[in-house]
């Protein structure tokens, strides 16, 4: 029997982008992001790399630390996603 996931992929992406928005344009180290988004280090890297592939985040190495920075496209996506989530919650659909 498989373990039921308590957050959807969209919920995880939303949490990552929310942490990124809180940290601003200076970026956030992957270990900090993983802790604040309640993800394993590996899962955080995997999801952030996916977002970077779509141009929503940028990846930089600062003093041996893997850091991700939200892009303008990521900021716009986050804002639209928040509007969508508000509608989904109003309709009481699990996302």
Protein backbone atom coordinates (compact mmCIF):
# COMPACT_ATOMS: atom_id res chain seq x y z
CA UNK A 1 0.00 0.00 0.00
CA UNK A 2 1.49 3.35 -1.02
CA UNK A 3 1.76 6.33 1.28
CA UNK A 4 -0.75 9.08 0.45
CA UNK A 5 0.82 12.40 -0.37
CA UNK A 6 -0.60 15.24 1.71
CA UNK A 7 0.42 18.00 -0.75
CA UNK A 8 -0.09 18.01 -4.47
CA UNK A 9 2.72 19.01 -6.81
CA UNK A 10 0.97 22.32 -7.31
CA UNK A 11 0.85 22.84 -3.55
CA UNK A 12 4.59 22.12 -3.29
CA UNK A 13 5.39 24.52 -6.14
CA UNK A 14 3.21 27.16 -4.48
CA UNK A 15 5.09 26.70 -1.18
CA UNK A 16 8.47 26.99 -2.94
CA UNK A 17 7.46 30.16 -4.77
CA UNK A 18 6.04 31.63 -1.55
CA UNK A 19 9.40 31.08 0.20
CA UNK A 20 11.18 32.58 -2.81
CA UNK A 21 8.94 35.67 -2.69
CA UNK A 22 9.57 36.07 1.05
CA UNK A 23 13.33 35.96 0.47
CA UNK A 24 13.24 38.48 -2.36
CA UNK A 25 15.59 38.98 -5.27
CA UNK A 26 18.76 38.17 -3.32
CA UNK A 27 17.82 34.49 -3.50
CA UNK A 28 17.78 31.67 -1.00
CA UNK A 29 20.10 28.74 -0.32
CA UNK A 30 18.59 25.37 -1.12
CA UNK A 31 18.95 24.16 2.50
CA UNK A 32 16.97 27.16 3.78
CA UNK A 33 14.36 26.74 1.07
CA UNK A 34 13.98 23.02 1.84
CA UNK A 35 13.50 23.71 5.53
CA UNK A 36 11.00 26.56 5.06
CA UNK A 37 8.99 24.70 2.38
CA UNK A 38 9.05 21.48 4.45
CA UNK A 39 10.79 19.40 1.76
CA UNK A 40 13.73 17.05 1.73
CA UNK A 41 16.92 18.50 0.33
CA UNK A 42 16.70 16.25 -2.74
CA UNK A 43 13.02 17.10 -3.40
CA UNK A 44 13.76 20.82 -3.08
CA UNK A 45 16.59 20.58 -5.62
CA UNK A 46 14.43 18.56 -8.01
CA UNK A 47 11.47 20.97 -7.87
CA UNK A 48 13.65 24.09 -8.06
CA UNK A 49 15.50 22.70 -11.06
CA UNK A 50 12.16 22.07 -12.76
CA UNK A 51 11.13 25.68 -12.07
CA UNK A 52 14.52 26.91 -13.34
CA UNK A 53 14.05 24.91 -16.56
CA UNK A 54 10.84 26.88 -17.16
CA UNK A 55 12.53 30.20 -16.42
CA UNK A 56 10.75 30.86 -13.12
CA UNK A 57 13.93 30.58 -11.04
CA UNK A 58 17.64 31.09 -11.70
CA UNK A 59 20.35 28.87 -10.22
CA UNK A 60 23.63 30.35 -9.00
CA UNK A 61 26.46 29.05 -6.84
CA UNK A 62 27.54 31.50 -4.16
CA UNK A 63 30.55 30.40 -2.11
CA UNK A 64 29.87 26.66 -2.65
CA UNK A 65 26.18 27.14 -1.76
CA UNK A 66 23.48 26.28 -4.27
CA UNK A 67 21.21 29.31 -4.40
CA UNK A 68 18.02 29.95 -6.35
CA UNK A 69 16.71 33.39 -7.29
CA UNK A 70 13.18 34.10 -8.48
CA UNK A 71 12.94 35.75 -11.91
CA UNK A 72 10.48 38.39 -13.13
CA UNK A 73 8.63 35.61 -14.93
CA UNK A 74 8.52 33.68 -11.63
CA UNK A 75 7.10 36.69 -9.80
CA UNK A 76 4.34 37.11 -12.39
CA UNK A 77 3.61 33.36 -12.28
CA UNK A 78 3.40 33.46 -8.48
CA UNK A 79 0.95 36.37 -8.56
CA UNK A 80 -1.31 34.59 -11.07
CA UNK A 81 -1.05 31.34 -9.11
CA UNK A 82 -2.19 33.15 -5.94
CA UNK A 83 -5.28 34.40 -7.77
CA UNK A 84 -6.00 30.87 -9.00
CA UNK A 85 -5.54 29.39 -5.51
CA UNK A 86 -7.95 31.95 -4.05
CA UNK A 87 -10.60 30.90 -6.57
CA UNK A 88 -9.94 27.19 -5.96
CA UNK A 89 -10.27 27.67 -2.21
CA UNK A 90 -13.49 29.66 -2.63
CA UNK A 91 -14.95 26.79 -4.64
CA UNK A 92 -13.54 24.33 -2.04
CA UNK A 93 -11.50 22.26 -4.46
CA UNK A 94 -8.40 20.51 -3.10
CA UNK A 95 -5.30 21.63 -4.99
